[in-house]
Amino acid sequence: MAASLGGLGLLQGRVRLAAAAAASSPLRRPGPRGLVRGGAACSPTGKGYSSEAKGEEELRVRYLDEENQGIVVLGLNRSRAKNALNKNLIKMMSKAVDALKSDKKVRTVIFRSEVPGIFCAGADLQERAKMHSSEVSSFVSKARATINEMANLPVPTIAAIDGTALGGGLELALACDIRVAASSAKMGLVETKLAIIPGAGGTQRLPRTIGVSLAKELIFSARIVDGEEAKSIGLISHVVEQNESGDAAYRRALALAQEFLPQGPLAIRVAKLAINQGMEVDLVTGLAIEEACYAQTIPTKDRIEGLLAFKEKRPPRYKGE
């Protein structure tokens, strides 16, 4: 890998080799876990979309253009079902994520709702009630796999929570790198109310986000928190007052995505990989992962462009090469 990191497959292989080398070192301290793969809604200005997927009414995929080129918005749009996750929506999400992960022009992905007052109510319980127990297991496995693929997208992902995010809806948001919510939003993993547990990553991602003890408390009680409390416990990164349009969290998410655009796209992808891989191992192994990742940025054209831009006192023109 020199000019392009492609799908980061080669880099991930080198990261694993680095981790294995660190693991064999006598200086290594025992780690808790082995390596795991780390992990649209309209524009506030009324413009900015270059294309939109056709025939996918429940999930709208929009590629922003002009000053927002490189940002993709995935919008949940099942208004009559409060964006509940059914088989069809999971299938469309999987298809969209599969396309995004191999698109080198994508720089950041924002997940949001196009239904006022709701982000995602979780699983579609009406559909669930009609399923045989074997079908339930298959559906949950597919939902878990799809959300894992979302978490593994090589670019930054932001969840814009402008309404209620419960159960699988919050699990979807937890799979994103960053979460932004309106103060009026409601969030919770409420599965124990139905005598089940979170099955799409919630029991694993919530403790990693807010700590084990508090995560247990929220899951055991099925408690729902608002945006302010979610910010105070570290569940979200930013809380904003809701506006008349009902899209305050989306506007904040878009502003964050705009901050990422000027930076080296390959560097951001490698940084995400290094962070995600490193958080699952001990520090010594994590430093080896960082070393392997850093090495992949050295031969890139973007790195040379960054140095030239600094020398010439001008903004860099990165091409992702």
C-alpha atoms as a PDB file:
ATOM      1  CA  MET A   1       0.000   0.000   0.000  1.00  0.00           C
ATOM      2  CA  ALA A   2       1.547   3.255  -1.094  1.00  0.00           C
ATOM      3  CA  ALA A   3      -0.646   5.615  -3.068  1.00  0.00           C
ATOM      4  CA  SER A   4      -3.906   4.399  -1.619  1.00  0.00           C
ATOM      5  CA  LEU A   5      -5.060   2.506   1.451  1.00  0.00           C
ATOM      6  CA  GLY A   6      -7.937   0.997  -0.494  1.00  0.00           C
ATOM      7  CA  GLY A   7     -10.247  -0.849   1.864  1.00  0.00           C
ATOM      8  CA  LEU A   8      -7.598  -0.848   4.611  1.00  0.00           C
ATOM      9  CA  GLY A   9      -7.387  -4.620   4.314  1.00  0.00           C
ATOM     10  CA  LEU A  10      -3.615  -4.706   3.939  1.00  0.00           C
ATOM     11  CA  LEU A  11      -3.197  -2.275   6.799  1.00  0.00           C
ATOM     12  CA  GLN A  12      -5.440  -4.357   9.038  1.00  0.00           C
ATOM     13  CA  GLY A  13      -3.229  -7.351   8.282  1.00  0.00           C
ATOM     14  CA  ARG A  14      -0.142  -5.403   9.261  1.00  0.00           C
ATOM     15  CA  VAL A  15      -1.880  -4.198  12.413  1.00  0.00           C
ATOM     16  CA  ARG A  16      -2.530  -7.809  13.384  1.00  0.00           C
ATOM     17  CA  LEU A  17       1.107  -8.668  12.760  1.00  0.00           C
ATOM     18  CA  ALA A  18       2.162  -5.745  14.936  1.00  0.00           C
ATOM     19  CA  ALA A  19      -0.171  -6.906  17.673  1.00  0.00           C
ATOM     20  CA  ALA A  20       1.179 -10.443  17.434  1.00  0.00           C
ATOM     21  CA  ALA A  21       4.733  -9.159  17.690  1.00  0.00           C
ATOM     22  CA  ALA A  22       3.854  -7.113  20.737  1.00  0.00           C
ATOM     23  CA  ALA A  23       2.096 -10.089  22.277  1.00  0.00           C
ATOM     24  CA  SER A  24       5.272 -12.170  22.020  1.00  0.00           C
ATOM     25  CA  SER A  25       7.367  -9.471  23.690  1.00  0.00           C
ATOM     26  CA  PRO A  26       8.407 -10.139  27.301  1.00  0.00           C
ATOM     27  CA  LEU A  27       7.511  -6.509  28.070  1.00  0.00           C
ATOM     28  CA  ARG A  28       3.873  -7.030  27.209  1.00  0.00           C
ATOM     29  CA  ARG A  29       1.354  -6.805  30.000  1.00  0.00           C
ATOM     30  CA  PRO A  30      -1.662  -9.100  29.878  1.00  0.00           C
ATOM     31  CA  GLY A  31      -4.584  -7.508  28.027  1.00  0.00           C
ATOM     32  CA  PRO A  32      -8.271  -8.076  28.601  1.00  0.00           C
ATOM     33  CA  ARG A  33      -9.187  -8.993  25.050  1.00  0.00           C
ATOM     34  CA  GLY A  34      -7.759  -9.870  21.655  1.00  0.00           C
ATOM     35  CA  LEU A  35      -7.959  -7.744  18.540  1.00  0.00           C
ATOM     36  CA  VAL A  36     -11.312  -7.111  16.984  1.00  0.00           C
ATOM     37  CA  ARG A  37     -12.082  -5.119  13.896  1.00  0.00           C
ATOM     38  CA  GLY A  38     -12.797  -1.526  14.895  1.00  0.00           C
ATOM     39  CA  GLY A  39     -14.947  -0.386  14.207  1.00  0.00           C
ATOM     40  CA  ALA A  40     -29.633  10.925   4.995  1.00  0.00           C
ATOM     41  CA  ALA A  41     -33.218  14.707   5.902  1.00  0.00           C
ATOM     42  CA  CYS A  42     -32.544  17.737   4.108  1.00  0.00           C
ATOM     43  CA  SER A  43     -29.762  20.271   4.218  1.00  0.00           C
ATOM     44  CA  PRO A  44     -30.284  23.149   6.673  1.00  0.00           C
ATOM     45  CA  THR A  45     -29.746  25.484   3.728  1.00  0.00           C
ATOM     46  CA  GLY A  46     -32.182  23.641   1.506  1.00  0.00           C
ATOM     47  CA  LYS A  47     -29.432  22.662  -0.901  1.00  0.00           C
ATOM     48  CA  GLY A  48     -26.409  20.457  -1.058  1.00  0.00           C
ATOM     49  CA  TYR A  49     -27.522  17.048  -2.283  1.00  0.00           C
ATOM     50  CA  SER A  50     -25.984  15.716  -5.462  1.00  0.00           C
ATOM     51  CA  SER A  51     -27.886  12.433  -5.555  1.00  0.00           C
ATOM     52  CA  GLU A  52     -30.416  10.304  -3.730  1.00  0.00           C
ATOM     53  CA  ALA A  53     -31.080   6.577  -3.881  1.00  0.00           C
ATOM     54  CA  LYS A  54     -34.289   5.763  -5.705  1.00  0.00           C
ATOM     55  CA  GLY A  55     -36.982   3.390  -4.522  1.00  0.00           C
ATOM     56  CA  GLU A  56     -35.697   3.214  -0.940  1.00  0.00           C
ATOM     57  CA  GLU A  57     -38.307   5.288   0.844  1.00  0.00           C
ATOM     58  CA  GLU A  58     -37.614   3.860   4.295  1.00  0.00           C
ATOM     59  CA  LEU A  59     -33.906   4.676   4.086  1.00  0.00           C
ATOM     60  CA  ARG A  60     -32.772   7.735   2.167  1.00  0.00           C
ATOM     61  CA  VAL A  61     -29.128   7.869   1.108  1.00  0.00           C
ATOM     62  CA  ARG A  62     -27.967  11.339   0.174  1.00  0.00           C
ATOM     63  CA  TYR A  63     -24.585  12.551  -0.974  1.00  0.00           C
ATOM     64  CA  LEU A  64     -23.970  16.179  -0.122  1.00  0.00           C
ATOM     65  CA  ASP A  65     -22.191  18.434  -2.573  1.00  0.00           C
ATOM     66  CA  GLU A  66     -20.630  21.886  -2.834  1.00  0.00           C
ATOM     67  CA  GLU A  67     -18.831  22.721   0.429  1.00  0.00           C
ATOM     68  CA  ASN A  68     -20.140  19.499   1.986  1.00  0.00           C
ATOM     69  CA  GLN A  69     -18.883  17.137  -0.701  1.00  0.00           C
ATOM     70  CA  GLY A  70     -17.722  13.886   0.861  1.00  0.00           C
ATOM     71  CA  ILE A  71     -20.447  13.844   3.518  1.00  0.00           C
ATOM     72  CA  VAL A  72     -23.129  11.175   3.150  1.00  0.00           C
ATOM     73  CA  VAL A  73     -26.394  11.309   5.102  1.00  0.00           C
ATOM     74  CA  LEU A  74     -28.420   8.185   5.844  1.00  0.00           C
ATOM     75  CA  GLY A  75     -31.959   9.108   6.835  1.00  0.00           C
ATOM     76  CA  LEU A  76     -34.382   6.710   8.513  1.00  0.00           C
ATOM     77  CA  ASN A  77     -37.871   7.340   7.136  1.00  0.00           C
ATOM     78  CA  ARG A  78     -40.465   4.897   8.488  1.00  0.00           C
ATOM     79  CA  SER A  79     -42.820   7.525   9.838  1.00  0.00           C
ATOM     80  CA  ARG A  80     -45.771   5.225  10.530  1.00  0.00           C
ATOM     81  CA  ALA A  81     -43.581   2.830  12.514  1.00  0.00           C
ATOM     82  CA  LYS A  82     -41.413   5.397  14.332  1.00  0.00           C
ATOM     83  CA  ASN A  83     -38.415   4.198  12.305  1.00  0.00           C
ATOM     84  CA  ALA A  84     -38.655   0.778  13.924  1.00  0.00           C
ATOM     85  CA  LEU A  85     -36.136  -1.704  12.568  1.00  0.00           C
ATOM     86  CA  ASN A  86     -37.834  -4.340  10.441  1.00  0.00           C
ATOM     87  CA  LYS A  87     -36.408  -6.858   7.988  1.00  0.00           C
ATOM     88  CA  ASN A  88     -36.650  -4.507   5.037  1.00  0.00           C
ATOM     89  CA  LEU A  89     -34.969  -1.573   6.779  1.00  0.00           C
ATOM     90  CA  ILE A  90     -32.131  -3.764   8.052  1.00  0.00           C
ATOM     91  CA  LYS A  91     -31.672  -5.113   4.526  1.00  0.00           C
ATOM     92  CA  MET A  92     -31.484  -1.595   3.091  1.00  0.00           C
ATOM     93  CA  MET A  93     -29.093  -0.435   5.806  1.00  0.00           C
ATOM     94  CA  SER A  94     -26.824  -3.400   5.066  1.00  0.00           C
ATOM     95  CA  LYS A  95     -26.871  -2.630   1.357  1.00  0.00           C
ATOM     96  CA  ALA A  96     -26.109   1.062   1.940  1.00  0.00           C
ATOM     97  CA  VAL A  97     -23.244   0.372   4.351  1.00  0.00           C
ATOM     98  CA  ASP A  98     -21.757  -2.178   1.971  1.00  0.00           C
ATOM     99  CA  ALA A  99     -21.674   0.454  -0.784  1.00  0.00           C
ATOM    100  CA  LEU A 100     -20.252   3.152   1.482  1.00  0.00           C
ATOM    101  CA  LYS A 101     -17.360   1.124   2.846  1.00  0.00           C
ATOM    102  CA  SER A 102     -15.813   0.720  -0.606  1.00  0.00           C
ATOM    103  CA  ASP A 103     -16.446   4.296  -1.791  1.00  0.00           C
ATOM    104  CA  LYS A 104     -13.187   6.221  -1.434  1.00  0.00           C
ATOM    105  CA  LYS A 105     -14.962   9.542  -2.026  1.00  0.00           C
ATOM    106  CA  VAL A 106     -16.932   9.228   1.203  1.00  0.00           C
ATOM    107  CA  ARG A 107     -15.355  11.216   4.036  1.00  0.00           C
ATOM    108  CA  THR A 108     -17.977  11.152   6.803  1.00  0.00           C
ATOM    109  CA  VAL A 109     -21.352   9.454   7.290  1.00  0.00           C
ATOM    110  CA  ILE A 110     -24.178  11.006   9.312  1.00  0.00           C
ATOM    111  CA  PHE A 111     -27.045   8.843  10.565  1.00  0.00           C
ATOM    112  CA  ARG A 112     -30.241  10.761  11.261  1.00  0.00           C
ATOM    113  CA  SER A 113     -34.007  10.530  11.153  1.00  0.00           C
ATOM    114  CA  GLU A 114     -36.291  12.244   8.699  1.00  0.00           C
ATOM    115  CA  VAL A 115     -39.264  11.654  10.989  1.00  0.00           C
ATOM    116  CA  PRO A 116     -39.838  14.532  13.451  1.00  0.00           C
ATOM    117  CA  GLY A 117     -39.468  13.672  17.123  1.00  0.00           C
ATOM    118  CA  ILE A 118     -38.069  10.170  16.650  1.00  0.00           C
ATOM    119  CA  PHE A 119     -34.639   8.754  15.890  1.00  0.00           C
ATOM    120  CA  CYS A 120     -35.487   5.053  16.081  1.00  0.00           C
ATOM    121  CA  ALA A 121     -37.902   3.247  18.368  1.00  0.00           C
ATOM    122  CA  GLY A 122     -35.943  -0.025  18.203  1.00  0.00           C
ATOM    123  CA  ALA A 123     -37.130  -3.303  16.743  1.00  0.00           C
ATOM    124  CA  ASP A 124     -40.478  -3.476  14.958  1.00  0.00           C
ATOM    125  CA  LEU A 125     -42.442  -5.335  17.618  1.00  0.00           C
ATOM    126  CA  GLN A 126     -45.477  -5.839  15.402  1.00  0.00           C
ATOM    127  CA  GLU A 127     -43.319  -7.705  12.905  1.00  0.00           C
ATOM    128  CA  ARG A 128     -41.505  -9.468  15.748  1.00  0.00           C
ATOM    129  CA  ALA A 129     -44.770 -10.790  17.216  1.00  0.00           C
ATOM    130  CA  LYS A 130     -45.446 -12.662  13.965  1.00  0.00           C
ATOM    131  CA  MET A 131     -42.047 -14.356  13.911  1.00  0.00           C
ATOM    132  CA  HIS A 132     -41.243 -17.887  14.997  1.00  0.00           C
ATOM    133  CA  SER A 133     -38.511 -18.063  17.655  1.00  0.00           C
ATOM    134  CA  SER A 134     -36.038 -19.281  15.052  1.00  0.00           C
ATOM    135  CA  GLU A 135     -36.866 -16.279  12.877  1.00  0.00           C
ATOM    136  CA  VAL A 136     -36.237 -13.944  15.803  1.00  0.00           C
ATOM    137  CA  SER A 137     -32.739 -15.315  16.279  1.00  0.00           C
ATOM    138  CA  SER A 138     -32.009 -14.939  12.580  1.00  0.00           C
ATOM    139  CA  PHE A 139     -33.313 -11.363  12.505  1.00  0.00           C
ATOM    140  CA  VAL A 140     -31.335 -10.307  15.561  1.00  0.00           C
ATOM    141  CA  SER A 141     -28.181 -11.866  14.106  1.00  0.00           C
ATOM    142  CA  LYS A 142     -28.692  -9.923  10.885  1.00  0.00           C
ATOM    143  CA  ALA A 143     -29.342  -6.686  12.769  1.00  0.00           C
ATOM    144  CA  ARG A 144     -26.232  -7.240  14.900  1.00  0.00           C
ATOM    145  CA  ALA A 145     -24.111  -7.950  11.824  1.00  0.00           C
ATOM    146  CA  THR A 146     -25.422  -4.859  10.038  1.00  0.00           C
ATOM    147  CA  ILE A 147     -24.747  -2.584  13.000  1.00  0.00           C
ATOM    148  CA  ASN A 148     -21.269  -4.121  13.333  1.00  0.00           C
ATOM    149  CA  GLU A 149     -20.623  -3.270   9.688  1.00  0.00           C
ATOM    150  CA  MET A 150     -21.698   0.277  10.443  1.00  0.00           C
ATOM    151  CA  ALA A 151     -19.216   0.397  13.305  1.00  0.00           C
ATOM    152  CA  ASN A 152     -16.524  -0.920  10.963  1.00  0.00           C
ATOM    153  CA  LEU A 153     -17.014   1.749   8.307  1.00  0.00           C
ATOM    154  CA  PRO A 154     -13.508   3.157   7.677  1.00  0.00           C
ATOM    155  CA  VAL A 155     -14.648   6.798   7.851  1.00  0.00           C
ATOM    156  CA  PRO A 156     -16.009   8.820  10.798  1.00  0.00           C
ATOM    157  CA  THR A 157     -19.674   8.234  11.583  1.00  0.00           C
ATOM    158  CA  ILE A 158     -21.951  10.601  13.517  1.00  0.00           C
ATOM    159  CA  ALA A 159     -25.392   9.852  14.955  1.00  0.00           C
ATOM    160  CA  ALA A 160     -27.674  12.893  15.015  1.00  0.00           C
ATOM    161  CA  ILE A 161     -30.339  12.131  17.633  1.00  0.00           C
ATOM    162  CA  ASP A 162     -33.127  14.677  17.323  1.00  0.00           C
ATOM    163  CA  GLY A 163     -35.757  12.478  18.934  1.00  0.00           C
ATOM    164  CA  THR A 164     -36.304   9.220  20.777  1.00  0.00           C
ATOM    165  CA  ALA A 165     -33.691   6.468  20.430  1.00  0.00           C
ATOM    166  CA  LEU A 166     -34.687   3.280  22.226  1.00  0.00           C
ATOM    167  CA  GLY A 167     -33.412  -0.285  22.140  1.00  0.00           C
ATOM    168  CA  GLY A 168     -31.983  -1.029  18.712  1.00  0.00           C
ATOM    169  CA  GLY A 169     -32.183   2.669  17.895  1.00  0.00           C
ATOM    170  CA  LEU A 170     -29.708   3.489  20.634  1.00  0.00           C
ATOM    171  CA  GLU A 171     -27.600   0.483  19.657  1.00  0.00           C
ATOM    172  CA  LEU A 172     -27.400   1.932  16.163  1.00  0.00           C
ATOM    173  CA  ALA A 173     -26.238   5.264  17.623  1.00  0.00           C
ATOM    174  CA  LEU A 174     -23.723   3.537  19.902  1.00  0.00           C
ATOM    175  CA  ALA A 175     -22.096   1.977  16.828  1.00  0.00           C
ATOM    176  CA  CYS A 176     -21.276   5.471  15.544  1.00  0.00           C
ATOM    177  CA  ASP A 177     -18.002   7.190  16.427  1.00  0.00           C
ATOM    178  CA  ILE A 178     -19.727  10.326  17.714  1.00  0.00           C
ATOM    179  CA  ARG A 179     -23.229  11.009  19.009  1.00  0.00           C
ATOM    180  CA  VAL A 180     -24.976  14.373  19.063  1.00  0.00           C
ATOM    181  CA  ALA A 181     -28.419  14.817  20.610  1.00  0.00           C
ATOM    182  CA  ALA A 182     -31.028  17.461  21.228  1.00  0.00           C
ATOM    183  CA  SER A 183     -31.638  18.160  24.903  1.00  0.00           C
ATOM    184  CA  SER A 184     -35.222  16.964  24.446  1.00  0.00           C
ATOM    185  CA  ALA A 185     -34.182  13.609  22.958  1.00  0.00           C
ATOM    186  CA  LYS A 186     -34.871  10.415  24.901  1.00  0.00           C
ATOM    187  CA  MET A 187     -32.460   7.474  24.952  1.00  0.00           C
ATOM    188  CA  GLY A 188     -32.375   4.081  26.595  1.00  0.00           C
ATOM    189  CA  LEU A 189     -31.788   0.352  26.254  1.00  0.00           C
ATOM    190  CA  VAL A 190     -35.215  -0.809  27.375  1.00  0.00           C
ATOM    191  CA  GLU A 191     -35.148  -4.461  26.353  1.00  0.00           C
ATOM    192  CA  THR A 192     -35.421  -5.867  29.878  1.00  0.00           C
ATOM    193  CA  LYS A 193     -38.971  -4.476  29.969  1.00  0.00           C
ATOM    194  CA  LEU A 194     -39.747  -7.123  27.356  1.00  0.00           C
ATOM    195  CA  ALA A 195     -37.867  -9.864  29.224  1.00  0.00           C
ATOM    196  CA  ILE A 196     -35.004  -9.831  26.687  1.00  0.00           C
ATOM    197  CA  ILE A 197     -31.621  -8.108  26.538  1.00  0.00           C
ATOM    198  CA  PRO A 198     -30.018  -5.752  24.014  1.00  0.00           C
ATOM    199  CA  GLY A 199     -28.980  -7.981  21.127  1.00  0.00           C
ATOM    200  CA  ALA A 200     -27.345  -5.656  18.589  1.00  0.00           C
ATOM    201  CA  GLY A 201     -24.277  -4.671  20.569  1.00  0.00           C
ATOM    202  CA  GLY A 202     -25.808  -2.739  23.446  1.00  0.00           C
ATOM    203  CA  THR A 203     -24.433  -4.913  26.257  1.00  0.00           C
ATOM    204  CA  GLN A 204     -20.945  -4.425  24.858  1.00  0.00           C
ATOM    205  CA  ARG A 205     -20.870  -0.878  23.486  1.00  0.00           C
ATOM    206  CA  LEU A 206     -22.726   0.871  26.305  1.00  0.00           C
ATOM    207  CA  PRO A 207     -20.243  -0.280  29.016  1.00  0.00           C
ATOM    208  CA  ARG A 208     -17.347   0.734  26.772  1.00  0.00           C
ATOM    209  CA  THR A 209     -18.941   4.152  26.396  1.00  0.00           C
ATOM    210  CA  ILE A 210     -20.139   5.086  29.886  1.00  0.00           C
ATOM    211  CA  GLY A 211     -18.490   2.488  32.140  1.00  0.00           C
ATOM    212  CA  VAL A 212     -19.557  -0.935  33.342  1.00  0.00           C
ATOM    213  CA  SER A 213     -21.417  -0.057  36.545  1.00  0.00           C
ATOM    214  CA  LEU A 214     -23.556   2.701  35.066  1.00  0.00           C
ATOM    215  CA  ALA A 215     -24.271   0.654  31.944  1.00  0.00           C
ATOM    216  CA  LYS A 216     -25.528  -2.198  34.119  1.00  0.00           C
ATOM    217  CA  GLU A 217     -27.737   0.221  36.034  1.00  0.00           C
ATOM    218  CA  LEU A 218     -29.316   1.611  32.883  1.00  0.00           C
ATOM    219  CA  ILE A 219     -29.853  -1.809  31.288  1.00  0.00           C
ATOM    220  CA  PHE A 220     -31.155  -3.463  34.483  1.00  0.00           C
ATOM    221  CA  SER A 221     -33.638  -0.628  35.050  1.00  0.00           C
ATOM    222  CA  ALA A 222     -34.508   0.008  31.381  1.00  0.00           C
ATOM    223  CA  ARG A 223     -34.153   3.674  32.290  1.00  0.00           C
ATOM    224  CA  ILE A 224     -34.613   6.393  29.691  1.00  0.00           C
ATOM    225  CA  VAL A 225     -32.444   9.527  29.864  1.00  0.00           C
ATOM    226  CA  ASP A 226     -32.776  12.866  28.113  1.00  0.00           C
ATOM    227  CA  GLY A 227     -30.080  14.681  26.166  1.00  0.00           C
ATOM    228  CA  GLU A 228     -28.738  16.610  29.133  1.00  0.00           C
ATOM    229  CA  GLU A 229     -28.291  13.512  31.285  1.00  0.00           C
ATOM    230  CA  ALA A 230     -26.872  11.590  28.334  1.00  0.00           C
ATOM    231  CA  LYS A 231     -24.217  14.276  27.977  1.00  0.00           C
ATOM    232  CA  SER A 232     -23.429  14.247  31.691  1.00  0.00           C
ATOM    233  CA  ILE A 233     -22.764  10.482  31.714  1.00  0.00           C
ATOM    234  CA  GLY A 234     -20.762  10.498  28.489  1.00  0.00           C
ATOM    235  CA  LEU A 235     -23.336   8.720  26.344  1.00  0.00           C
ATOM    236  CA  ILE A 236     -23.221  11.558  23.814  1.00  0.00           C
ATOM    237  CA  SER A 237     -20.496  14.053  22.913  1.00  0.00           C
ATOM    238  CA  HIS A 238     -22.667  17.134  22.321  1.00  0.00           C
ATOM    239  CA  VAL A 239     -26.110  18.269  23.466  1.00  0.00           C
ATOM    240  CA  VAL A 240     -27.983  21.108  21.764  1.00  0.00           C
ATOM    241  CA  GLU A 241     -31.273  22.874  22.341  1.00  0.00           C
ATOM    242  CA  GLN A 242     -33.889  21.772  19.856  1.00  0.00           C
ATOM    243  CA  ASN A 243     -34.914  24.307  17.215  1.00  0.00           C
ATOM    244  CA  GLU A 244     -38.206  25.001  15.458  1.00  0.00           C
ATOM    245  CA  SER A 245     -37.202  22.775  12.544  1.00  0.00           C
ATOM    246  CA  GLY A 246     -36.554  19.832  14.860  1.00  0.00           C
ATOM    247  CA  ASP A 247     -33.098  19.189  13.379  1.00  0.00           C
ATOM    248  CA  ALA A 248     -30.717  20.829  15.848  1.00  0.00           C
ATOM    249  CA  ALA A 249     -28.697  17.653  16.407  1.00  0.00           C
ATOM    250  CA  TYR A 250     -28.370  17.124  12.667  1.00  0.00           C
ATOM    251  CA  ARG A 251     -27.123  20.685  12.174  1.00  0.00           C
ATOM    252  CA  ARG A 252     -24.513  20.151  14.909  1.00  0.00           C
ATOM    253  CA  ALA A 253     -23.503  16.814  13.356  1.00  0.00           C
ATOM    254  CA  LEU A 254     -23.107  18.487   9.976  1.00  0.00           C
ATOM    255  CA  ALA A 255     -20.912  21.180  11.528  1.00  0.00           C
ATOM    256  CA  LEU A 256     -18.716  18.469  13.040  1.00  0.00           C
ATOM    257  CA  ALA A 257     -18.462  16.661   9.712  1.00  0.00           C
ATOM    258  CA  GLN A 258     -17.388  19.928   8.092  1.00  0.00           C
ATOM    259  CA  GLU A 259     -14.503  20.101  10.575  1.00  0.00           C
ATOM    260  CA  PHE A 260     -13.258  16.735   9.310  1.00  0.00           C
ATOM    261  CA  LEU A 261     -13.352  17.591   5.602  1.00  0.00           C
ATOM    262  CA  PRO A 262     -10.122  19.678   5.377  1.00  0.00           C
ATOM    263  CA  GLN A 263      -8.013  16.985   7.046  1.00  0.00           C
ATOM    264  CA  GLY A 264      -6.093  14.222   5.274  1.00  0.00           C
ATOM    265  CA  PRO A 265      -8.697  11.568   4.378  1.00  0.00           C
ATOM    266  CA  LEU A 266      -6.267   8.653   4.552  1.00  0.00           C
ATOM    267  CA  ALA A 267      -4.943   9.881   7.881  1.00  0.00           C
ATOM    268  CA  ILE A 268      -8.458   9.977   9.317  1.00  0.00           C
ATOM    269  CA  ARG A 269      -9.187   6.437   8.129  1.00  0.00           C
ATOM    270  CA  VAL A 270      -5.939   5.134   9.620  1.00  0.00           C
ATOM    271  CA  ALA A 271      -6.502   7.080  12.852  1.00  0.00           C
ATOM    272  CA  LYS A 272      -9.927   5.484  13.256  1.00  0.00           C
ATOM    273  CA  LEU A 273      -8.461   2.034  12.679  1.00  0.00           C
ATOM    274  CA  ALA A 274      -5.663   2.646  15.173  1.00  0.00           C
ATOM    275  CA  ILE A 275      -8.069   3.912  17.836  1.00  0.00           C
ATOM    276  CA  ASN A 276     -10.627   1.152  17.375  1.00  0.00           C
ATOM    277  CA  GLN A 277      -8.030  -1.624  17.362  1.00  0.00           C
ATOM    278  CA  GLY A 278      -6.013  -0.107  20.172  1.00  0.00           C
ATOM    279  CA  MET A 279      -8.967   0.255  22.537  1.00  0.00           C
ATOM    280  CA  GLU A 280      -9.423  -3.515  22.567  1.00  0.00           C
ATOM    281  CA  VAL A 281      -5.895  -4.408  23.729  1.00  0.00           C
ATOM    282  CA  ASP A 282      -3.332  -3.444  26.365  1.00  0.00           C
ATOM    283  CA  LEU A 283      -1.199  -0.331  25.986  1.00  0.00           C
ATOM    284  CA  VAL A 284       1.941  -2.065  24.718  1.00  0.00           C
ATOM    285  CA  THR A 285       0.014  -3.790  21.947  1.00  0.00           C
ATOM    286  CA  GLY A 286      -1.875  -0.589  21.238  1.00  0.00           C
ATOM    287  CA  LEU A 287       1.380   1.310  20.734  1.00  0.00           C
ATOM    288  CA  ALA A 288       2.521  -1.357  18.291  1.00  0.00           C
ATOM    289  CA  ILE A 289      -0.743  -0.906  16.405  1.00  0.00           C
ATOM    290  CA  GLU A 290      -0.194   2.843  16.302  1.00  0.00           C
ATOM    291  CA  GLU A 291       3.324   2.338  14.950  1.00  0.00           C
ATOM    292  CA  ALA A 292       2.052   0.061  12.183  1.00  0.00           C
ATOM    293  CA  CYS A 293      -0.691   2.517  11.275  1.00  0.00           C
ATOM    294  CA  TYR A 294       1.595   5.558  11.319  1.00  0.00           C
ATOM    295  CA  ALA A 295       3.995   3.789   8.965  1.00  0.00           C
ATOM    296  CA  GLN A 296       1.257   3.555   6.352  1.00  0.00           C
ATOM    297  CA  THR A 297       0.885   7.344   6.150  1.00  0.00           C
ATOM    298  CA  ILE A 298       4.569   7.981   5.408  1.00  0.00           C
ATOM    299  CA  PRO A 299       4.646   6.979   1.703  1.00  0.00           C
ATOM    300  CA  THR A 300       1.397   8.769   0.805  1.00  0.00           C
ATOM    301  CA  LYS A 301       1.167  11.748  -1.527  1.00  0.00           C
ATOM    302  CA  ASP A 302      -1.083  13.474   0.991  1.00  0.00           C
ATOM    303  CA  ARG A 303       1.706  13.572   3.576  1.00  0.00           C
ATOM    304  CA  ILE A 304       4.031  15.306   1.097  1.00  0.00           C
ATOM    305  CA  GLU A 305       1.254  17.712   0.148  1.00  0.00           C
ATOM    306  CA  GLY A 306       0.724  18.551   3.824  1.00  0.00           C
ATOM    307  CA  LEU A 307       4.388  19.451   4.247  1.00  0.00           C
ATOM    308  CA  LEU A 308       4.428  21.540   1.061  1.00  0.00           C
ATOM    309  CA  ALA A 309       1.268  23.387   2.087  1.00  0.00           C
ATOM    310  CA  PHE A 310       2.776  24.171   5.483  1.00  0.00           C
ATOM    311  CA  LYS A 311       5.966  25.450   3.853  1.00  0.00           C
ATOM    312  CA  GLU A 312       4.059  27.552   1.316  1.00  0.00           C
ATOM    313  CA  LYS A 313       1.587  28.822   3.930  1.00  0.00           C
ATOM    314  CA  ARG A 314      -1.507  27.678   2.036  1.00  0.00           C
ATOM    315  CA  PRO A 315      -4.358  25.232   2.660  1.00  0.00           C
ATOM    316  CA  PRO A 316      -3.430  21.663   1.666  1.00  0.00           C
ATOM    317  CA  ARG A 317      -5.150  20.035  -1.314  1.00  0.00           C
ATOM    318  CA  TYR A 318      -5.501  16.420  -0.251  1.00  0.00           C
ATOM    319  CA  LYS A 319      -6.578  13.789  -2.773  1.00  0.00           C
ATOM    320  CA  GLY A 320      -6.666  10.696  -0.595  1.00  0.00           C
ATOM    321  CA  GLU A 321      -3.564   9.229  -2.190  1.00  0.00           C
END
